[in-house]
C-alpha cells in the first residue's frame, strides 16, 4: 500500500489517523505538527501521500499544500477538515489536493480516500 506523512497540530488526531491507516495496510513514515515540519519531512521522506489538516496555528494547510505542490507537482495530498462547506476545501482542490475528508470520519471512509488518492 502507501507510505504516509500525517500533518496535524493535534497529536491525538495524528495518532487516530495513523492507527486507522495502518489497519488499512498503509505505513506511516512521518508525522508533523506544524507546516514547517511538514515541508521539511516531505522533502526528506518523499511519502506517497500526505494527509494534511487545514487549520493549524503556524501555517495553514493551504499554504503547506501550495509549497509542497511547488516542490513536487505530482505530490498526492488529502486535506482534513471539520467542514466540507468550507471555502478552504474548494481552494484546496483547485490548488491540487487529491481530495478531502471531513472530521469525524470512520476507518473505512479514511482508507477509501487514501486508496482513491493513491490509485
PDB file of N, CA and C in Angstrom:
ATOM      1  N   UNK A   1       0.835  -1.182   0.000  1.00  0.00           N
ATOM      2  CA  UNK A   1       0.000   0.000   0.000  1.00  0.00           C
ATOM      3  C   UNK A   1       0.882   1.249   0.000  1.00  0.00           C
ATOM      4  N   UNK A   2       0.473   2.325   0.679  1.00  0.00           N
ATOM      5  CA  UNK A   2       1.204   3.565   0.555  1.00  0.00           C
ATOM      6  C   UNK A   2       1.923   4.021   1.808  1.00  0.00           C
ATOM      7  N   UNK A   3       2.946   4.846   1.604  1.00  0.00           N
ATOM      8  CA  UNK A   3       3.653   5.474   2.724  1.00  0.00           C
ATOM      9  C   UNK A   3       3.030   6.851   2.957  1.00  0.00           C
ATOM     10  N   UNK A   4       2.781   7.176   4.224  1.00  0.00           N
ATOM     11  CA  UNK A   4       2.035   8.376   4.570  1.00  0.00           C
ATOM     12  C   UNK A   4       2.815   9.327   5.470  1.00  0.00           C
ATOM     13  N   UNK A   5       2.581  10.625   5.245  1.00  0.00           N
ATOM     14  CA  UNK A   5       3.021  11.673   6.150  1.00  0.00           C
ATOM     15  C   UNK A   5       1.754  12.291   6.726  1.00  0.00           C
ATOM     16  N   UNK A   6       1.630  12.284   8.047  1.00  0.00           N
ATOM     17  CA  UNK A   6       0.459  12.833   8.722  1.00  0.00           C
ATOM     18  C   UNK A   6       0.797  14.202   9.283  1.00  0.00           C
ATOM     19  N   UNK A   7      -0.031  15.192   8.967  1.00  0.00           N
ATOM     20  CA  UNK A   7       0.218  16.565   9.408  1.00  0.00           C
ATOM     21  C   UNK A   7      -1.023  17.099  10.105  1.00  0.00           C
ATOM     22  N   UNK A   8      -0.904  17.317  11.405  1.00  0.00           N
ATOM     23  CA  UNK A   8      -1.992  17.880  12.205  1.00  0.00           C
ATOM     24  C   UNK A   8      -1.379  18.421  13.482  1.00  0.00           C
ATOM     25  N   UNK A   9      -1.846  19.581  13.936  1.00  0.00           N
ATOM     26  CA  UNK A   9      -1.290  20.140  15.165  1.00  0.00           C
ATOM     27  C   UNK A   9      -1.757  19.383  16.401  1.00  0.00           C
ATOM     28  N   UNK A  10      -2.788  18.549  16.269  1.00  0.00           N
ATOM     29  CA  UNK A  10      -3.295  17.760  17.395  1.00  0.00           C
ATOM     30  C   UNK A  10      -2.688  16.353  17.362  1.00  0.00           C
ATOM     31  N   UNK A  11      -1.919  16.029  18.391  1.00  0.00           N
ATOM     32  CA  UNK A  11      -1.256  14.717  18.465  1.00  0.00           C
ATOM     33  C   UNK A  11      -2.268  13.574  18.448  1.00  0.00           C
ATOM     34  N   UNK A  12      -3.407  13.755  19.122  1.00  0.00           N
ATOM     35  CA  UNK A  12      -4.408  12.685  19.155  1.00  0.00           C
ATOM     36  C   UNK A  12      -4.952  12.408  17.749  1.00  0.00           C
ATOM     37  N   UNK A  13      -5.076  13.438  16.926  1.00  0.00           N
ATOM     38  CA  UNK A  13      -5.589  13.241  15.564  1.00  0.00           C
ATOM     39  C   UNK A  13      -4.567  12.505  14.714  1.00  0.00           C
ATOM     40  N   UNK A  14      -3.292  12.843  14.855  1.00  0.00           N
ATOM     41  CA  UNK A  14      -2.252  12.109  14.122  1.00  0.00           C
ATOM     42  C   UNK A  14      -2.257  10.647  14.540  1.00  0.00           C
ATOM     43  N   UNK A  15      -2.401  10.422  15.836  1.00  0.00           N
ATOM     44  CA  UNK A  15      -2.421   9.039  16.340  1.00  0.00           C
ATOM     45  C   UNK A  15      -3.618   8.274  15.789  1.00  0.00           C
ATOM     46  N   UNK A  16      -4.793   8.891  15.829  1.00  0.00           N
ATOM     47  CA  UNK A  16      -6.015   8.243  15.346  1.00  0.00           C
ATOM     48  C   UNK A  16      -5.913   7.923  13.852  1.00  0.00           C
ATOM     49  N   UNK A  17      -5.498   8.888  13.063  1.00  0.00           N
ATOM     50  CA  UNK A  17      -5.359   8.667  11.619  1.00  0.00           C
ATOM     51  C   UNK A  17      -4.326   7.573  11.363  1.00  0.00           C
ATOM     52  N   UNK A  18      -3.237   7.597  12.105  1.00  0.00           N
ATOM     53  CA  UNK A  18      -2.198   6.582  11.943  1.00  0.00           C
ATOM     54  C   UNK A  18      -2.705   5.180  12.234  1.00  0.00           C
ATOM     55  N   UNK A  19      -3.441   5.029  13.305  1.00  0.00           N
ATOM     56  CA  UNK A  19      -3.999   3.715  13.661  1.00  0.00           C
ATOM     57  C   UNK A  19      -4.938   3.227  12.568  1.00  0.00           C
ATOM     58  N   UNK A  20      -5.829   4.107  12.114  1.00  0.00           N
ATOM     59  CA  UNK A  20      -6.798   3.732  11.077  1.00  0.00           C
ATOM     60  C   UNK A  20      -6.106   3.392   9.763  1.00  0.00           C
ATOM     61  N   UNK A  21      -5.123   4.185   9.385  1.00  0.00           N
ATOM     62  CA  UNK A  21      -4.418   3.952   8.121  1.00  0.00           C
ATOM     63  C   UNK A  21      -3.625   2.644   8.165  1.00  0.00           C
ATOM     64  N   UNK A  22      -2.994   2.376   9.299  1.00  0.00           N
ATOM     65  CA  UNK A  22      -2.234   1.122   9.429  1.00  0.00           C
ATOM     66  C   UNK A  22      -3.158  -0.082   9.299  1.00  0.00           C
ATOM     67  N   UNK A  23      -4.362   0.023   9.846  1.00  0.00           N
ATOM     68  CA  UNK A  23      -5.333  -1.072   9.714  1.00  0.00           C
ATOM     69  C   UNK A  23      -5.749  -1.258   8.265  1.00  0.00           C
ATOM     70  N   UNK A  24      -5.605  -0.210   7.464  1.00  0.00           N
ATOM     71  CA  UNK A  24      -5.898  -0.295   6.033  1.00  0.00           C
ATOM     72  C   UNK A  24      -4.706  -0.759   5.217  1.00  0.00           C
ATOM     73  N   UNK A  25      -3.600  -1.090   5.885  1.00  0.00           N
ATOM     74  CA  UNK A  25      -2.428  -1.613   5.198  1.00  0.00           C
ATOM     75  C   UNK A  25      -1.389  -0.577   4.808  1.00  0.00           C
ATOM     76  N   UNK A  26      -1.557   0.651   5.270  1.00  0.00           N
ATOM     77  CA  UNK A  26      -0.625   1.722   4.915  1.00  0.00           C
ATOM     78  C   UNK A  26       0.438   1.892   6.002  1.00  0.00           C
ATOM     79  N   UNK A  27       1.536   2.525   5.624  1.00  0.00           N
ATOM     80  CA  UNK A  27       2.642   2.738   6.557  1.00  0.00           C
ATOM     81  C   UNK A  27       2.819   4.234   6.817  1.00  0.00           C
ATOM     82  N   UNK A  28       2.815   4.599   8.083  1.00  0.00           N
ATOM     83  CA  UNK A  28       3.069   5.989   8.458  1.00  0.00           C
ATOM     84  C   UNK A  28       4.579   6.151   8.600  1.00  0.00           C
ATOM     85  N   UNK A  29       5.162   6.980   7.730  1.00  0.00           N
ATOM     86  CA  UNK A  29       6.618   7.155   7.764  1.00  0.00           C
ATOM     87  C   UNK A  29       7.034   8.467   8.411  1.00  0.00           C
ATOM     88  N   UNK A  30       6.051   9.319   8.725  1.00  0.00           N
ATOM     89  CA  UNK A  30       6.382  10.575   9.379  1.00  0.00           C
ATOM     90  C   UNK A  30       5.151  11.289   9.883  1.00  0.00           C
ATOM     91  N   UNK A  31       5.364  12.122  10.907  1.00  0.00           N
ATOM     92  CA  UNK A  31       4.302  12.943  11.473  1.00  0.00           C
ATOM     93  C   UNK A  31       4.846  14.340  11.719  1.00  0.00           C
ATOM     94  N   UNK A  32       4.013  15.335  11.444  1.00  0.00           N
ATOM     95  CA  UNK A  32       4.391  16.724  11.681  1.00  0.00           C
ATOM     96  C   UNK A  32       3.248  17.437  12.375  1.00  0.00           C
ATOM     97  N   UNK A  33       3.603  18.347  13.289  1.00  0.00           N
ATOM     98  CA  UNK A  33       2.569  19.128  13.963  1.00  0.00           C
ATOM     99  C   UNK A  33       2.531  20.572  13.494  1.00  0.00           C
ATOM    100  N   UNK A  34       3.479  20.960  12.657  1.00  0.00           N
ATOM    101  CA  UNK A  34       3.485  22.315  12.099  1.00  0.00           C
ATOM    102  C   UNK A  34       3.683  22.246  10.591  1.00  0.00           C
ATOM    103  N   UNK A  35       3.345  23.343   9.933  1.00  0.00           N
ATOM    104  CA  UNK A  35       3.540  23.409   8.500  1.00  0.00           C
ATOM    105  C   UNK A  35       5.000  23.327   8.099  1.00  0.00           C
ATOM    106  N   UNK A  36       5.860  24.013   8.849  1.00  0.00           N
ATOM    107  CA  UNK A  36       7.292  23.974   8.549  1.00  0.00           C
ATOM    108  C   UNK A  36       7.842  22.557   8.675  1.00  0.00           C
ATOM    109  N   UNK A  37       7.439  21.850   9.728  1.00  0.00           N
ATOM    110  CA  UNK A  37       7.874  20.457   9.888  1.00  0.00           C
ATOM    111  C   UNK A  37       7.378  19.612   8.723  1.00  0.00           C
ATOM    112  N   UNK A  38       6.144  19.852   8.297  1.00  0.00           N
ATOM    113  CA  UNK A  38       5.558  19.079   7.200  1.00  0.00           C
ATOM    114  C   UNK A  38       6.376  19.230   5.923  1.00  0.00           C
ATOM    115  N   UNK A  39       6.738  20.452   5.603  1.00  0.00           N
ATOM    116  CA  UNK A  39       7.507  20.718   4.383  1.00  0.00           C
ATOM    117  C   UNK A  39       8.883  20.062   4.461  1.00  0.00           C
ATOM    118  N   UNK A  40       9.531  20.176   5.616  1.00  0.00           N
ATOM    119  CA  UNK A  40      10.853  19.569   5.794  1.00  0.00           C
ATOM    120  C   UNK A  40      10.770  18.047   5.689  1.00  0.00           C
ATOM    121  N   UNK A  41       9.783  17.439   6.364  1.00  0.00           N
ATOM    122  CA  UNK A  41       9.639  15.980   6.314  1.00  0.00           C
ATOM    123  C   UNK A  41       9.258  15.503   4.921  1.00  0.00           C
ATOM    124  N   UNK A  42       8.393  16.246   4.243  1.00  0.00           N
ATOM    125  CA  UNK A  42       8.014  15.859   2.894  1.00  0.00           C
ATOM    126  C   UNK A  42       9.251  15.793   1.994  1.00  0.00           C
ATOM    127  N   UNK A  43      10.092  16.810   2.059  1.00  0.00           N
ATOM    128  CA  UNK A  43      11.268  16.836   1.186  1.00  0.00           C
ATOM    129  C   UNK A  43      12.267  15.741   1.550  1.00  0.00           C
ATOM    130  N   UNK A  44      12.318  15.384   2.825  1.00  0.00           N
ATOM    131  CA  UNK A  44      13.271  14.364   3.262  1.00  0.00           C
ATOM    132  C   UNK A  44      12.748  12.943   3.044  1.00  0.00           C
ATOM    133  N   UNK A  45      11.447  12.714   3.267  1.00  0.00           N
ATOM    134  CA  UNK A  45      10.894  11.363   3.266  1.00  0.00           C
ATOM    135  C   UNK A  45      10.233  10.945   1.950  1.00  0.00           C
ATOM    136  N   UNK A  46       9.787  11.889   1.150  1.00  0.00           N
ATOM    137  CA  UNK A  46       9.072  11.603  -0.101  1.00  0.00           C
ATOM    138  C   UNK A  46       7.948  10.577   0.077  1.00  0.00           C
ATOM    139  N   UNK A  47       6.960  10.882   0.914  1.00  0.00           N
ATOM    140  CA  UNK A  47       5.854   9.934   1.116  1.00  0.00           C
ATOM    141  C   UNK A  47       4.995   9.812  -0.138  1.00  0.00           C
ATOM    142  N   UNK A  48       4.266   8.698  -0.236  1.00  0.00           N
ATOM    143  CA  UNK A  48       3.330   8.511  -1.338  1.00  0.00           C
ATOM    144  C   UNK A  48       2.128   9.454  -1.205  1.00  0.00           C
ATOM    145  N   UNK A  49       1.779   9.790   0.053  1.00  0.00           N
ATOM    146  CA  UNK A  49       0.596  10.598   0.307  1.00  0.00           C
ATOM    147  C   UNK A  49       0.772  11.398   1.587  1.00  0.00           C
ATOM    148  N   UNK A  50       0.269  12.636   1.561  1.00  0.00           N
ATOM    149  CA  UNK A  50       0.244  13.479   2.750  1.00  0.00           C
ATOM    150  C   UNK A  50      -1.213  13.662   3.157  1.00  0.00           C
ATOM    151  N   UNK A  51      -1.506  13.453   4.428  1.00  0.00           N
ATOM    152  CA  UNK A  51      -2.830  13.763   4.975  1.00  0.00           C
ATOM    153  C   UNK A  51      -2.631  15.013   5.811  1.00  0.00           C
ATOM    154  N   UNK A  52      -3.258  16.100   5.389  1.00  0.00           N
ATOM    155  CA  UNK A  52      -2.918  17.435   5.846  1.00  0.00           C
ATOM    156  C   UNK A  52      -4.123  18.159   6.439  1.00  0.00           C
ATOM    157  N   UNK A  53      -4.002  18.558   7.688  1.00  0.00           N
ATOM    158  CA  UNK A  53      -5.038  19.355   8.344  1.00  0.00           C
ATOM    159  C   UNK A  53      -5.062  20.747   7.719  1.00  0.00           C
ATOM    160  N   UNK A  54      -6.237  21.319   7.584  1.00  0.00           N
ATOM    161  CA  UNK A  54      -6.331  22.665   7.005  1.00  0.00           C
ATOM    162  C   UNK A  54      -5.993  23.732   8.042  1.00  0.00           C
ATOM    163  N   UNK A  55      -6.558  23.617   9.235  1.00  0.00           N
ATOM    164  CA  UNK A  55      -6.369  24.669  10.237  1.00  0.00           C
ATOM    165  C   UNK A  55      -5.261  24.301  11.208  1.00  0.00           C
ATOM    166  N   UNK A  56      -4.143  25.021  11.099  1.00  0.00           N
ATOM    167  CA  UNK A  56      -3.014  24.836  12.006  1.00  0.00           C
ATOM    168  C   UNK A  56      -2.516  26.222  12.397  1.00  0.00           C
ATOM    169  N   UNK A  57      -1.892  26.353  13.568  1.00  0.00           N
ATOM    170  CA  UNK A  57      -1.538  27.678  14.064  1.00  0.00           C
ATOM    171  C   UNK A  57      -0.408  28.400  13.331  1.00  0.00           C
ATOM    172  N   UNK A  58       0.633  27.717  12.931  1.00  0.00           N
ATOM    173  CA  UNK A  58       1.793  28.429  12.363  1.00  0.00           C
ATOM    174  C   UNK A  58       1.639  28.748  10.882  1.00  0.00           C
ATOM    175  N   UNK A  59       1.153  27.784  10.140  1.00  0.00           N
ATOM    176  CA  UNK A  59       0.978  27.927   8.691  1.00  0.00           C
ATOM    177  C   UNK A  59      -0.209  27.040   8.345  1.00  0.00           C
ATOM    178  N   UNK A  60      -1.229  27.604   7.715  1.00  0.00           N
ATOM    179  CA  UNK A  60      -2.395  26.761   7.458  1.00  0.00           C
ATOM    180  C   UNK A  60      -2.100  25.725   6.380  1.00  0.00           C
ATOM    181  N   UNK A  61      -2.950  24.709   6.338  1.00  0.00           N
ATOM    182  CA  UNK A  61      -2.744  23.608   5.415  1.00  0.00           C
ATOM    183  C   UNK A  61      -2.736  24.016   3.956  1.00  0.00           C
ATOM    184  N   UNK A  62      -3.462  25.076   3.615  1.00  0.00           N
ATOM    185  CA  UNK A  62      -3.470  25.540   2.228  1.00  0.00           C
ATOM    186  C   UNK A  62      -2.090  26.056   1.817  1.00  0.00           C
ATOM    187  N   UNK A  63      -1.433  26.770   2.704  1.00  0.00           N
ATOM    188  CA  UNK A  63      -0.080  27.258   2.408  1.00  0.00           C
ATOM    189  C   UNK A  63       0.888  26.089   2.281  1.00  0.00           C
ATOM    190  N   UNK A  64       0.741  25.090   3.159  1.00  0.00           N
ATOM    191  CA  UNK A  64       1.597  23.904   3.095  1.00  0.00           C
ATOM    192  C   UNK A  64       1.362  23.167   1.781  1.00  0.00           C
ATOM    193  N   UNK A  65       0.092  22.986   1.418  1.00  0.00           N
ATOM    194  CA  UNK A  65      -0.270  22.329   0.162  1.00  0.00           C
ATOM    195  C   UNK A  65       0.419  23.010  -1.017  1.00  0.00           C
ATOM    196  N   UNK A  66       0.319  24.318  -1.087  1.00  0.00           N
ATOM    197  CA  UNK A  66       0.898  25.066  -2.203  1.00  0.00           C
ATOM    198  C   UNK A  66       2.421  24.950  -2.237  1.00  0.00           C
ATOM    199  N   UNK A  67       3.061  24.954  -1.070  1.00  0.00           N
ATOM    200  CA  UNK A  67       4.526  24.826  -1.032  1.00  0.00           C
ATOM    201  C   UNK A  67       4.970  23.430  -1.467  1.00  0.00           C
ATOM    202  N   UNK A  68       4.248  22.412  -1.000  1.00  0.00           N
ATOM    203  CA  UNK A  68       4.593  21.037  -1.393  1.00  0.00           C
ATOM    204  C   UNK A  68       4.374  20.848  -2.894  1.00  0.00           C
ATOM    205  N   UNK A  69       3.261  21.344  -3.415  1.00  0.00           N
ATOM    206  CA  UNK A  69       2.978  21.199  -4.846  1.00  0.00           C
ATOM    207  C   UNK A  69       3.998  21.969  -5.694  1.00  0.00           C
ATOM    208  N   UNK A  70       4.509  23.093  -5.172  1.00  0.00           N
ATOM    209  CA  UNK A  70       5.554  23.838  -5.887  1.00  0.00           C
ATOM    210  C   UNK A  70       6.844  23.025  -5.938  1.00  0.00           C
ATOM    211  N   UNK A  71       7.130  22.283  -4.847  1.00  0.00           N
ATOM    212  CA  UNK A  71       8.332  21.449  -4.791  1.00  0.00           C
ATOM    213  C   UNK A  71       8.201  20.224  -5.697  1.00  0.00           C
ATOM    214  N   UNK A  72       6.997  19.624  -5.651  1.00  0.00           N
ATOM    215  CA  UNK A  72       6.757  18.380  -6.377  1.00  0.00           C
ATOM    216  C   UNK A  72       5.308  18.387  -6.875  1.00  0.00           C
ATOM    217  N   UNK A  73       5.086  18.844  -8.099  1.00  0.00           N
ATOM    218  CA  UNK A  73       3.715  18.986  -8.600  1.00  0.00           C
ATOM    219  C   UNK A  73       2.875  17.707  -8.565  1.00  0.00           C
ATOM    220  N   UNK A  74       3.522  16.550  -8.654  1.00  0.00           N
ATOM    221  CA  UNK A  74       2.765  15.291  -8.639  1.00  0.00           C
ATOM    222  C   UNK A  74       2.472  14.777  -7.229  1.00  0.00           C
ATOM    223  N   UNK A  75       2.838  15.535  -6.207  1.00  0.00           N
ATOM    224  CA  UNK A  75       2.580  15.117  -4.813  1.00  0.00           C
ATOM    225  C   UNK A  75       1.089  14.856  -4.612  1.00  0.00           C
ATOM    226  N   UNK A  76       0.802  13.828  -3.834  1.00  0.00           N
ATOM    227  CA  UNK A  76      -0.581  13.458  -3.537  1.00  0.00           C
ATOM    228  C   UNK A  76      -0.897  13.904  -2.115  1.00  0.00           C
ATOM    229  N   UNK A  77      -1.963  14.693  -1.989  1.00  0.00           N
ATOM    230  CA  UNK A  77      -2.327  15.265  -0.696  1.00  0.00           C
ATOM    231  C   UNK A  77      -3.835  15.185  -0.515  1.00  0.00           C
ATOM    232  N   UNK A  78      -4.242  14.728   0.667  1.00  0.00           N
ATOM    233  CA  UNK A  78      -5.646  14.749   1.078  1.00  0.00           C
ATOM    234  C   UNK A  78      -5.748  15.749   2.219  1.00  0.00           C
ATOM    235  N   UNK A  79      -6.714  16.640   2.115  1.00  0.00           N
ATOM    236  CA  UNK A  79      -6.941  17.624   3.168  1.00  0.00           C
ATOM    237  C   UNK A  79      -7.908  17.063   4.204  1.00  0.00           C
ATOM    238  N   UNK A  80      -7.696  17.441   5.441  1.00  0.00           N
ATOM    239  CA  UNK A  80      -8.541  17.027   6.549  1.00  0.00           C
ATOM    240  C   UNK A  80      -9.226  18.281   7.083  1.00  0.00           C
ATOM    241  N   UNK A  81     -10.552  18.268   7.166  1.00  0.00           N
ATOM    242  CA  UNK A  81     -11.287  19.467   7.543  1.00  0.00           C
ATOM    243  C   UNK A  81     -12.467  19.142   8.458  1.00  0.00           C
ATOM    244  N   UNK A  82     -12.895  20.132   9.208  1.00  0.00           N
ATOM    245  CA  UNK A  82     -14.051  19.953  10.082  1.00  0.00           C
ATOM    246  C   UNK A  82     -15.354  20.267   9.352  1.00  0.00           C
ATOM    247  N   UNK A  83     -15.278  20.892   8.169  1.00  0.00           N
ATOM    248  CA  UNK A  83     -16.490  21.265   7.437  1.00  0.00           C
ATOM    249  C   UNK A  83     -16.264  21.172   5.942  1.00  0.00           C
ATOM    250  N   UNK A  84     -17.063  20.362   5.263  1.00  0.00           N
ATOM    251  CA  UNK A  84     -16.911  20.254   3.818  1.00  0.00           C
ATOM    252  C   UNK A  84     -17.504  21.453   3.092  1.00  0.00           C
ATOM    253  N   UNK A  85     -18.210  22.307   3.801  1.00  0.00           N
ATOM    254  CA  UNK A  85     -18.755  23.520   3.192  1.00  0.00           C
ATOM    255  C   UNK A  85     -17.724  24.649   3.162  1.00  0.00           C
ATOM    256  N   UNK A  86     -16.612  24.437   3.763  1.00  0.00           N
ATOM    257  CA  UNK A  86     -15.585  25.465   3.879  1.00  0.00           C
ATOM    258  C   UNK A  86     -15.053  25.908   2.519  1.00  0.00           C
ATOM    259  N   UNK A  87     -14.838  27.206   2.372  1.00  0.00           N
ATOM    260  CA  UNK A  87     -14.201  27.709   1.152  1.00  0.00           C
ATOM    261  C   UNK A  87     -12.774  27.178   1.044  1.00  0.00           C
ATOM    262  N   UNK A  88     -12.224  26.761   2.185  1.00  0.00           N
ATOM    263  CA  UNK A  88     -10.883  26.174   2.181  1.00  0.00           C
ATOM    264  C   UNK A  88     -10.843  24.901   1.332  1.00  0.00           C
ATOM    265  N   UNK A  89     -11.926  24.111   1.394  1.00  0.00           N
ATOM    266  CA  UNK A  89     -11.967  22.859   0.634  1.00  0.00           C
ATOM    267  C   UNK A  89     -11.885  23.157  -0.853  1.00  0.00           C
ATOM    268  N   UNK A  90     -12.664  24.118  -1.316  1.00  0.00           N
ATOM    269  CA  UNK A  90     -12.652  24.472  -2.738  1.00  0.00           C
ATOM    270  C   UNK A  90     -11.267  24.959  -3.169  1.00  0.00           C
ATOM    271  N   UNK A  91     -10.657  25.786  -2.323  1.00  0.00           N
ATOM    272  CA  UNK A  91      -9.327  26.291  -2.649  1.00  0.00           C
ATOM    273  C   UNK A  91      -8.306  25.157  -2.677  1.00  0.00           C
ATOM    274  N   UNK A  92      -8.432  24.217  -1.732  1.00  0.00           N
ATOM    275  CA  UNK A  92      -7.503  23.086  -1.682  1.00  0.00           C
ATOM    276  C   UNK A  92      -7.600  22.232  -2.941  1.00  0.00           C
ATOM    277  N   UNK A  93      -8.813  21.935  -3.367  1.00  0.00           N
ATOM    278  CA  UNK A  93      -8.995  21.119  -4.571  1.00  0.00           C
ATOM    279  C   UNK A  93      -8.454  21.856  -5.795  1.00  0.00           C
ATOM    280  N   UNK A  94      -8.747  23.144  -5.894  1.00  0.00           N
ATOM    281  CA  UNK A  94      -8.247  23.900  -7.046  1.00  0.00           C
ATOM    282  C   UNK A  94      -6.729  24.083  -6.995  1.00  0.00           C
ATOM    283  N   UNK A  95      -6.143  23.914  -5.817  1.00  0.00           N
ATOM    284  CA  UNK A  95      -4.685  24.023  -5.676  1.00  0.00           C
ATOM    285  C   UNK A  95      -3.975  22.676  -5.829  1.00  0.00           C
ATOM    286  N   UNK A  96      -4.748  21.621  -6.093  1.00  0.00           N
ATOM    287  CA  UNK A  96      -4.122  20.333  -6.391  1.00  0.00           C
ATOM    288  C   UNK A  96      -4.321  19.214  -5.398  1.00  0.00           C
ATOM    289  N   UNK A  97      -5.101  19.422  -4.341  1.00  0.00           N
ATOM    290  CA  UNK A  97      -5.368  18.329  -3.399  1.00  0.00           C
ATOM    291  C   UNK A  97      -6.136  17.226  -4.127  1.00  0.00           C
ATOM    292  N   UNK A  98      -5.835  15.976  -3.784  1.00  0.00           N
ATOM    293  CA  UNK A  98      -6.494  14.823  -4.397  1.00  0.00           C
ATOM    294  C   UNK A  98      -7.872  14.564  -3.810  1.00  0.00           C
ATOM    295  N   UNK A  99      -8.183  15.229  -2.715  1.00  0.00           N
ATOM    296  CA  UNK A  99      -9.470  15.029  -2.073  1.00  0.00           C
ATOM    297  C   UNK A  99      -9.431  15.575  -0.665  1.00  0.00           C
ATOM    298  N   UNK A 100     -10.493  15.312   0.054  1.00  0.00           N
ATOM    299  CA  UNK A 100     -10.571  15.773   1.436  1.00  0.00           C
ATOM    300  C   UNK A 100     -11.414  14.795   2.232  1.00  0.00           C
ATOM    301  N   UNK A 101     -11.208  14.829   3.523  1.00  0.00           N
ATOM    302  CA  UNK A 101     -12.008  14.009   4.428  1.00  0.00           C
ATOM    303  C   UNK A 101     -12.495  14.910   5.553  1.00  0.00           C
ATOM    304  N   UNK A 102     -13.751  14.724   5.921  1.00  0.00           N
ATOM    305  CA  UNK A 102     -14.377  15.572   6.929  1.00  0.00           C
ATOM    306  C   UNK A 102     -14.343  14.875   8.286  1.00  0.00           C
ATOM    307  N   UNK A 103     -13.860  15.615   9.301  1.00  0.00           N
ATOM    308  CA  UNK A 103     -13.860  15.113  10.679  1.00  0.00           C
ATOM    309  C   UNK A 103     -15.271  15.228  11.238  1.00  0.00           C
ATOM    310  N   UNK A 104     -15.736  14.279  12.030  1.00  0.00           N
ATOM    311  CA  UNK A 104     -15.112  12.979  12.310  1.00  0.00           C
ATOM    312  C   UNK A 104     -15.348  12.017  11.144  1.00  0.00           C
ATOM    313  N   UNK A 105     -14.454  11.060  10.993  1.00  0.00           N
ATOM    314  CA  UNK A 105     -14.560  10.102   9.907  1.00  0.00           C
ATOM    315  C   UNK A 105     -14.356   8.697  10.457  1.00  0.00           C
ATOM    316  N   UNK A 106     -14.744   7.709   9.653  1.00  0.00           N
ATOM    317  CA  UNK A 106     -14.588   6.313  10.056  1.00  0.00           C
ATOM    318  C   UNK A 106     -13.320   5.749   9.437  1.00  0.00           C
ATOM    319  N   UNK A 107     -12.901   4.627   9.941  1.00  0.00           N
ATOM    320  CA  UNK A 107     -11.728   3.942   9.392  1.00  0.00           C
ATOM    321  C   UNK A 107     -11.965   3.613   7.921  1.00  0.00           C
ATOM    322  N   UNK A 108     -13.160   3.124   7.595  1.00  0.00           N
ATOM    323  CA  UNK A 108     -13.454   2.767   6.207  1.00  0.00           C
ATOM    324  C   UNK A 108     -13.415   3.984   5.288  1.00  0.00           C
ATOM    325  N   UNK A 109     -14.026   5.103   5.723  1.00  0.00           N
ATOM    326  CA  UNK A 109     -14.042   6.279   4.850  1.00  0.00           C
ATOM    327  C   UNK A 109     -12.635   6.842   4.667  1.00  0.00           C
ATOM    328  N   UNK A 110     -11.827   6.818   5.720  1.00  0.00           N
ATOM    329  CA  UNK A 110     -10.448   7.292   5.602  1.00  0.00           C
ATOM    330  C   UNK A 110      -9.674   6.448   4.603  1.00  0.00           C
ATOM    331  N   UNK A 111      -9.758   5.142   4.745  1.00  0.00           N
ATOM    332  CA  UNK A 111      -8.995   4.263   3.857  1.00  0.00           C
ATOM    333  C   UNK A 111      -9.514   4.299   2.424  1.00  0.00           C
ATOM    334  N   UNK A 112     -10.805   4.544   2.234  1.00  0.00           N
ATOM    335  CA  UNK A 112     -11.326   4.727   0.868  1.00  0.00           C
ATOM    336  C   UNK A 112     -10.688   5.952   0.227  1.00  0.00           C
ATOM    337  N   UNK A 113     -10.593   7.054   0.986  1.00  0.00           N
ATOM    338  CA  UNK A 113      -9.975   8.279   0.463  1.00  0.00           C
ATOM    339  C   UNK A 113      -8.492   8.065   0.168  1.00  0.00           C
ATOM    340  N   UNK A 114      -7.800   7.376   1.095  1.00  0.00           N
ATOM    341  CA  UNK A 114      -6.373   7.094   0.884  1.00  0.00           C
ATOM    342  C   UNK A 114      -6.186   6.258  -0.383  1.00  0.00           C
ATOM    343  N   UNK A 115      -6.955   5.190  -0.496  1.00  0.00           N
ATOM    344  CA  UNK A 115      -6.818   4.300  -1.661  1.00  0.00           C
ATOM    345  C   UNK A 115      -7.132   5.028  -2.970  1.00  0.00           C
ATOM    346  N   UNK A 116      -8.154   5.885  -2.959  1.00  0.00           N
ATOM    347  CA  UNK A 116      -8.509   6.646  -4.155  1.00  0.00           C
ATOM    348  C   UNK A 116      -7.384   7.606  -4.538  1.00  0.00           C
ATOM    349  N   UNK A 117      -6.787   8.250  -3.553  1.00  0.00           N
ATOM    350  CA  UNK A 117      -5.709   9.198  -3.843  1.00  0.00           C
ATOM    351  C   UNK A 117      -4.453   8.494  -4.355  1.00  0.00           C
ATOM    352  N   UNK A 118      -4.243   7.268  -3.919  1.00  0.00           N
ATOM    353  CA  UNK A 118      -3.065   6.518  -4.349  1.00  0.00           C
ATOM    354  C   UNK A 118      -3.257   5.784  -5.682  1.00  0.00           C
ATOM    355  N   UNK A 119      -4.504   5.667  -6.122  1.00  0.00           N
ATOM    356  CA  UNK A 119      -4.812   4.913  -7.355  1.00  0.00           C
ATOM    357  C   UNK A 119      -4.274   5.606  -8.594  1.00  0.00           C
TER     358      UNK A 119
END
